[in-house]
Amino acid sequence: MIIYLACPYSHPEVFVRHCRYMKACRAASLLMKAGHTVFSPLSHGVAIMNNGDLDEKDTACAFWLKQELPFLRMSNLLMVLAIDGWEESIGVNAEIDAALEWQIPNVLISEKEIPRLATYGRNA
């Protein structure tokens, strides 16, 4: 199973963006530990933006969706981290809409459920 892990990112405060990034990375690592193949566009994109020649101010949501939606199309499940800001997130809403269009199942994971992702999908 390939899991596409969606999470809000944009926010005027750097600290909030950093916290969202860290939550996405933590969730992705726990899912990987549980044996899943995971694509976390937030983890992927922020690392590239911070270490490449991309400026956050110049890379709008449309830029990132063009990079990320092909990975969603190849995924078996859209997992949305339902942390603060997810309902208002343009990117997360676009990912949910695409998943619905492509008939990709989706699931919401609350922040308090993140630690349980280490056993997600296991029958133990």
N, C-alpha and C. Protein backbone atom coordinates (compact mmCIF):
# COMPACT_ATOMS: atom_id res chain seq x y z
N MET A 1 0.83 -1.18 0.00
CA MET A 1 0.00 0.00 0.00
C MET A 1 0.88 1.25 0.00
N ILE A 2 0.52 2.19 -0.84
CA ILE A 2 1.20 3.48 -0.86
C ILE A 2 0.27 4.51 -0.23
N ILE A 3 0.75 5.17 0.80
CA ILE A 3 -0.02 6.19 1.50
C ILE A 3 0.52 7.56 1.14
N TYR A 4 -0.39 8.43 0.73
CA TYR A 4 -0.09 9.83 0.47
C TYR A 4 -0.52 10.58 1.72
N LEU A 5 0.41 11.22 2.37
CA LEU A 5 0.15 11.87 3.65
C LEU A 5 -0.01 13.38 3.47
N ALA A 6 -1.24 13.86 3.55
CA ALA A 6 -1.53 15.29 3.37
C ALA A 6 -1.55 15.99 4.73
N CYS A 7 -1.05 17.22 4.71
CA CYS A 7 -0.98 18.00 5.95
C CYS A 7 -0.95 19.48 5.57
N PRO A 8 -1.64 20.33 6.33
CA PRO A 8 -1.56 21.76 6.03
C PRO A 8 -0.16 22.29 6.33
N TYR A 9 0.21 23.36 5.63
CA TYR A 9 1.51 23.96 5.87
C TYR A 9 1.44 25.48 5.97
N SER A 10 0.87 26.13 4.99
CA SER A 10 0.88 27.60 4.93
C SER A 10 0.31 28.24 6.19
N HIS A 11 1.02 29.25 6.65
CA HIS A 11 0.60 30.03 7.81
C HIS A 11 1.53 31.23 7.89
N PRO A 12 1.05 32.37 8.35
CA PRO A 12 1.93 33.54 8.42
C PRO A 12 3.08 33.40 9.43
N GLU A 13 2.92 32.54 10.42
CA GLU A 13 3.96 32.38 11.44
C GLU A 13 4.90 31.23 11.10
N VAL A 14 6.19 31.53 11.11
CA VAL A 14 7.22 30.52 10.81
C VAL A 14 7.13 29.35 11.79
N PHE A 15 6.90 29.64 13.06
CA PHE A 15 6.83 28.58 14.07
C PHE A 15 5.71 27.59 13.77
N VAL A 16 4.56 28.09 13.35
CA VAL A 16 3.43 27.21 13.02
C VAL A 16 3.78 26.33 11.82
N ARG A 17 4.39 26.93 10.80
CA ARG A 17 4.79 26.13 9.63
C ARG A 17 5.78 25.05 10.04
N HIS A 18 6.74 25.40 10.90
CA HIS A 18 7.73 24.42 11.36
C HIS A 18 7.04 23.28 12.13
N CYS A 19 6.11 23.62 13.00
CA CYS A 19 5.40 22.58 13.76
C CYS A 19 4.62 21.65 12.84
N ARG A 20 3.98 22.20 11.83
CA ARG A 20 3.24 21.38 10.88
C ARG A 20 4.18 20.46 10.11
N TYR A 21 5.31 20.98 9.72
CA TYR A 21 6.32 20.18 9.02
C TYR A 21 6.79 19.03 9.91
N MET A 22 7.07 19.33 11.17
CA MET A 22 7.56 18.29 12.08
C MET A 22 6.50 17.22 12.33
N LYS A 23 5.24 17.61 12.43
CA LYS A 23 4.16 16.63 12.62
C LYS A 23 4.04 15.72 11.40
N ALA A 24 4.17 16.29 10.21
CA ALA A 24 4.11 15.48 9.00
C ALA A 24 5.28 14.49 8.95
N CYS A 25 6.46 14.96 9.29
CA CYS A 25 7.63 14.08 9.29
C CYS A 25 7.48 12.96 10.32
N ARG A 26 6.97 13.31 11.49
CA ARG A 26 6.77 12.31 12.54
C ARG A 26 5.76 11.26 12.10
N ALA A 27 4.64 11.71 11.55
CA ALA A 27 3.62 10.77 11.09
C ALA A 27 4.15 9.88 9.98
N ALA A 28 4.89 10.46 9.04
CA ALA A 28 5.45 9.66 7.94
C ALA A 28 6.42 8.62 8.48
N SER A 29 7.26 9.00 9.42
CA SER A 29 8.23 8.04 9.96
C SER A 29 7.53 6.91 10.70
N LEU A 30 6.47 7.21 11.42
CA LEU A 30 5.73 6.17 12.14
C LEU A 30 5.05 5.21 11.17
N LEU A 31 4.48 5.75 10.10
CA LEU A 31 3.87 4.89 9.09
C LEU A 31 4.90 4.00 8.41
N MET A 32 6.06 4.58 8.12
CA MET A 32 7.14 3.78 7.53
C MET A 32 7.59 2.69 8.48
N LYS A 33 7.69 3.02 9.75
CA LYS A 33 8.07 2.04 10.77
C LYS A 33 7.05 0.89 10.81
N ALA A 34 5.79 1.21 10.55
CA ALA A 34 4.74 0.19 10.54
C ALA A 34 4.77 -0.64 9.26
N GLY A 35 5.67 -0.30 8.32
CA GLY A 35 5.83 -1.10 7.12
C GLY A 35 5.18 -0.55 5.86
N HIS A 36 4.65 0.66 5.94
CA HIS A 36 3.98 1.25 4.79
C HIS A 36 4.96 2.05 3.92
N THR A 37 4.61 2.17 2.66
CA THR A 37 5.31 3.06 1.75
C THR A 37 4.56 4.39 1.80
N VAL A 38 5.29 5.46 2.09
CA VAL A 38 4.65 6.75 2.35
C VAL A 38 5.28 7.84 1.50
N PHE A 39 4.41 8.68 0.93
CA PHE A 39 4.87 9.91 0.32
C PHE A 39 4.27 11.05 1.13
N SER A 40 5.13 11.84 1.74
CA SER A 40 4.71 13.00 2.51
C SER A 40 5.13 14.24 1.74
N PRO A 41 4.20 14.85 0.98
CA PRO A 41 4.58 15.99 0.16
C PRO A 41 5.13 17.16 0.97
N LEU A 42 4.63 17.34 2.18
CA LEU A 42 5.15 18.43 3.01
C LEU A 42 6.61 18.16 3.39
N SER A 43 6.90 16.95 3.84
CA SER A 43 8.28 16.60 4.20
C SER A 43 9.20 16.73 3.00
N HIS A 44 8.76 16.25 1.88
CA HIS A 44 9.52 16.27 0.63
C HIS A 44 9.74 17.71 0.16
N GLY A 45 8.65 18.48 0.10
CA GLY A 45 8.73 19.82 -0.45
C GLY A 45 9.52 20.81 0.40
N VAL A 46 9.32 20.77 1.71
CA VAL A 46 10.03 21.71 2.58
C VAL A 46 11.53 21.44 2.55
N ALA A 47 11.90 20.17 2.55
CA ALA A 47 13.33 19.84 2.50
C ALA A 47 13.95 20.34 1.20
N ILE A 48 13.25 20.17 0.10
CA ILE A 48 13.76 20.65 -1.19
C ILE A 48 13.80 22.17 -1.22
N MET A 49 12.74 22.81 -0.73
CA MET A 49 12.69 24.27 -0.72
C MET A 49 13.83 24.85 0.12
N ASN A 50 14.06 24.25 1.28
CA ASN A 50 15.10 24.77 2.18
C ASN A 50 16.51 24.51 1.70
N ASN A 51 16.70 23.51 0.87
CA ASN A 51 18.04 23.13 0.44
C ASN A 51 18.29 23.35 -1.04
N GLY A 52 17.31 23.85 -1.72
CA GLY A 52 17.43 24.09 -3.15
C GLY A 52 17.36 25.57 -3.46
N ASP A 53 17.04 25.84 -4.67
CA ASP A 53 16.98 27.22 -5.13
C ASP A 53 15.53 27.66 -5.28
N LEU A 54 14.70 27.33 -4.28
CA LEU A 54 13.29 27.70 -4.29
C LEU A 54 13.00 28.63 -3.13
N ASP A 55 12.29 29.68 -3.41
CA ASP A 55 11.91 30.65 -2.38
C ASP A 55 10.45 30.39 -2.02
N GLU A 56 10.17 30.27 -0.75
CA GLU A 56 8.81 30.01 -0.29
C GLU A 56 7.81 31.03 -0.84
N LYS A 57 8.23 32.25 -0.96
CA LYS A 57 7.34 33.31 -1.45
C LYS A 57 7.03 33.14 -2.94
N ASP A 58 7.89 32.45 -3.66
CA ASP A 58 7.72 32.28 -5.10
C ASP A 58 7.09 30.94 -5.48
N THR A 59 6.87 30.08 -4.51
CA THR A 59 6.32 28.75 -4.80
C THR A 59 4.93 28.64 -4.20
N ALA A 60 3.94 29.01 -4.97
CA ALA A 60 2.55 28.99 -4.52
C ALA A 60 2.01 27.57 -4.50
N CYS A 61 0.84 27.44 -3.94
CA CYS A 61 0.19 26.14 -3.83
C CYS A 61 0.10 25.42 -5.18
N ALA A 62 -0.23 26.15 -6.24
CA ALA A 62 -0.34 25.53 -7.57
C ALA A 62 0.98 24.91 -8.01
N PHE A 63 2.09 25.55 -7.68
CA PHE A 63 3.41 25.00 -8.00
C PHE A 63 3.59 23.64 -7.34
N TRP A 64 3.27 23.56 -6.04
CA TRP A 64 3.47 22.31 -5.31
C TRP A 64 2.48 21.23 -5.73
N LEU A 65 1.22 21.61 -5.98
CA LEU A 65 0.25 20.60 -6.41
C LEU A 65 0.67 19.97 -7.73
N LYS A 66 1.26 20.76 -8.62
CA LYS A 66 1.75 20.20 -9.90
C LYS A 66 2.81 19.13 -9.64
N GLN A 67 3.63 19.33 -8.62
CA GLN A 67 4.66 18.36 -8.26
C GLN A 67 4.08 17.14 -7.54
N GLU A 68 3.06 17.35 -6.74
CA GLU A 68 2.60 16.32 -5.79
C GLU A 68 1.45 15.46 -6.28
N LEU A 69 0.51 16.02 -7.02
CA LEU A 69 -0.67 15.25 -7.39
C LEU A 69 -0.37 13.99 -8.21
N PRO A 70 0.67 13.96 -9.04
CA PRO A 70 0.99 12.69 -9.70
C PRO A 70 1.30 11.57 -8.69
N PHE A 71 1.86 11.92 -7.56
CA PHE A 71 2.13 10.91 -6.53
C PHE A 71 0.83 10.45 -5.87
N LEU A 72 -0.11 11.37 -5.68
CA LEU A 72 -1.40 10.98 -5.14
C LEU A 72 -2.09 10.01 -6.09
N ARG A 73 -1.99 10.29 -7.37
CA ARG A 73 -2.64 9.43 -8.38
C ARG A 73 -2.12 7.99 -8.30
N MET A 74 -0.88 7.81 -7.90
CA MET A 74 -0.29 6.47 -7.79
C MET A 74 -0.52 5.83 -6.43
N SER A 75 -1.15 6.56 -5.52
CA SER A 75 -1.32 6.08 -4.15
C SER A 75 -2.60 5.26 -3.99
N ASN A 76 -2.60 4.46 -2.93
CA ASN A 76 -3.77 3.64 -2.61
C ASN A 76 -4.65 4.27 -1.54
N LEU A 77 -4.09 5.24 -0.82
CA LEU A 77 -4.82 5.85 0.28
C LEU A 77 -4.33 7.28 0.49
N LEU A 78 -5.27 8.19 0.66
CA LEU A 78 -4.95 9.55 1.08
C LEU A 78 -5.19 9.62 2.58
N MET A 79 -4.15 9.89 3.33
CA MET A 79 -4.27 10.07 4.77
C MET A 79 -4.08 11.56 5.05
N VAL A 80 -5.07 12.17 5.68
CA VAL A 80 -5.02 13.59 5.99
C VAL A 80 -4.75 13.75 7.48
N LEU A 81 -3.68 14.45 7.80
CA LEU A 81 -3.43 14.79 9.19
C LEU A 81 -4.36 15.94 9.55
N ALA A 82 -5.35 15.64 10.35
CA ALA A 82 -6.38 16.62 10.70
C ALA A 82 -5.89 17.48 11.86
N ILE A 83 -4.81 18.20 11.60
CA ILE A 83 -4.27 19.12 12.60
C ILE A 83 -4.82 20.51 12.32
N ASP A 84 -4.60 21.43 13.24
CA ASP A 84 -5.10 22.79 13.10
C ASP A 84 -4.79 23.34 11.70
N GLY A 85 -5.80 23.81 11.03
CA GLY A 85 -5.63 24.42 9.71
C GLY A 85 -5.97 23.52 8.54
N TRP A 86 -6.22 22.25 8.78
CA TRP A 86 -6.44 21.34 7.65
C TRP A 86 -7.70 21.68 6.87
N GLU A 87 -8.75 22.09 7.57
CA GLU A 87 -10.02 22.36 6.87
C GLU A 87 -9.95 23.59 5.97
N GLU A 88 -9.08 24.55 6.32
CA GLU A 88 -8.94 25.76 5.53
C GLU A 88 -7.85 25.66 4.47
N SER A 89 -7.05 24.62 4.52
CA SER A 89 -5.90 24.49 3.64
C SER A 89 -6.33 24.29 2.18
N ILE A 90 -5.90 25.20 1.33
CA ILE A 90 -6.19 25.09 -0.11
C ILE A 90 -5.58 23.81 -0.66
N GLY A 91 -4.34 23.52 -0.27
CA GLY A 91 -3.66 22.33 -0.76
C GLY A 91 -4.32 21.04 -0.31
N VAL A 92 -4.63 20.94 0.97
CA VAL A 92 -5.27 19.72 1.49
C VAL A 92 -6.63 19.53 0.83
N ASN A 93 -7.39 20.60 0.67
CA ASN A 93 -8.69 20.48 0.01
C ASN A 93 -8.55 20.05 -1.45
N ALA A 94 -7.54 20.54 -2.13
CA ALA A 94 -7.30 20.11 -3.51
C ALA A 94 -6.92 18.63 -3.56
N GLU A 95 -6.13 18.18 -2.59
CA GLU A 95 -5.74 16.77 -2.52
C GLU A 95 -6.96 15.89 -2.24
N ILE A 96 -7.84 16.32 -1.34
CA ILE A 96 -9.05 15.55 -1.05
C ILE A 96 -9.94 15.49 -2.28
N ASP A 97 -10.12 16.63 -2.95
CA ASP A 97 -10.95 16.66 -4.17
C ASP A 97 -10.39 15.72 -5.24
N ALA A 98 -9.07 15.74 -5.42
CA ALA A 98 -8.45 14.86 -6.42
C ALA A 98 -8.64 13.40 -6.04
N ALA A 99 -8.47 13.08 -4.76
CA ALA A 99 -8.64 11.69 -4.31
C ALA A 99 -10.08 11.23 -4.55
N LEU A 100 -11.03 12.08 -4.28
CA LEU A 100 -12.43 11.72 -4.52
C LEU A 100 -12.67 11.50 -6.02
N GLU A 101 -12.13 12.39 -6.84
CA GLU A 101 -12.29 12.25 -8.29
C GLU A 101 -11.68 10.95 -8.80
N TRP A 102 -10.53 10.59 -8.25
CA TRP A 102 -9.82 9.39 -8.69
C TRP A 102 -10.22 8.14 -7.90
N GLN A 103 -11.21 8.28 -7.04
CA GLN A 103 -11.74 7.18 -6.22
C GLN A 103 -10.65 6.53 -5.35
N ILE A 104 -9.82 7.39 -4.79
CA ILE A 104 -8.79 6.94 -3.85
C ILE A 104 -9.37 7.11 -2.45
N PRO A 105 -9.44 6.03 -1.68
CA PRO A 105 -9.97 6.15 -0.32
C PRO A 105 -9.17 7.16 0.49
N ASN A 106 -9.85 7.79 1.44
CA ASN A 106 -9.15 8.74 2.30
C ASN A 106 -9.58 8.54 3.75
N VAL A 107 -8.68 8.94 4.64
CA VAL A 107 -8.93 8.82 6.07
C VAL A 107 -8.35 10.04 6.76
N LEU A 108 -9.05 10.51 7.78
CA LEU A 108 -8.56 11.62 8.60
C LEU A 108 -7.91 11.05 9.85
N ILE A 109 -6.76 11.58 10.21
CA ILE A 109 -6.04 11.17 11.42
C ILE A 109 -5.88 12.40 12.29
N SER A 110 -6.44 12.35 13.48
CA SER A 110 -6.30 13.49 14.38
C SER A 110 -4.90 13.54 14.97
N GLU A 111 -4.55 14.69 15.50
CA GLU A 111 -3.21 14.85 16.08
C GLU A 111 -2.96 13.84 17.20
N LYS A 112 -3.97 13.58 18.01
CA LYS A 112 -3.78 12.64 19.12
C LYS A 112 -3.58 11.20 18.64
N GLU A 113 -3.96 10.92 17.40
CA GLU A 113 -3.79 9.58 16.84
C GLU A 113 -2.42 9.36 16.21
N ILE A 114 -1.64 10.41 16.03
CA ILE A 114 -0.34 10.28 15.37
C ILE A 114 0.55 9.22 16.03
N PRO A 115 0.68 9.17 17.37
CA PRO A 115 1.54 8.12 17.95
C PRO A 115 1.10 6.70 17.60
N ARG A 116 -0.18 6.50 17.33
CA ARG A 116 -0.68 5.16 17.00
C ARG A 116 -0.36 4.73 15.58
N LEU A 117 0.20 5.65 14.78
CA LEU A 117 0.51 5.29 13.40
C LEU A 117 1.63 4.25 13.30
N ALA A 118 2.38 4.08 14.39
CA ALA A 118 3.44 3.06 14.38
C ALA A 118 2.87 1.66 14.22
N THR A 119 1.57 1.50 14.46
CA THR A 119 0.93 0.20 14.30
C THR A 119 -0.22 0.25 13.31
N TYR A 120 -0.30 1.33 12.53
CA TYR A 120 -1.42 1.51 11.60
C TYR A 120 -1.52 0.35 10.62
N GLY A 121 -2.71 -0.22 10.56
CA GLY A 121 -2.96 -1.29 9.60
C GLY A 121 -2.53 -2.67 10.06
N ARG A 122 -1.91 -2.76 11.21
CA ARG A 122 -1.50 -4.08 11.74
C ARG A 122 -2.68 -4.70 12.46
N ASN A 123 -2.75 -6.02 12.39
CA ASN A 123 -3.82 -6.73 13.07
C ASN A 123 -3.45 -7.13 14.49
N ALA A 124 -2.30 -6.68 14.95
CA ALA A 124 -1.85 -7.08 16.29
C ALA A 124 -2.52 -6.25 17.37
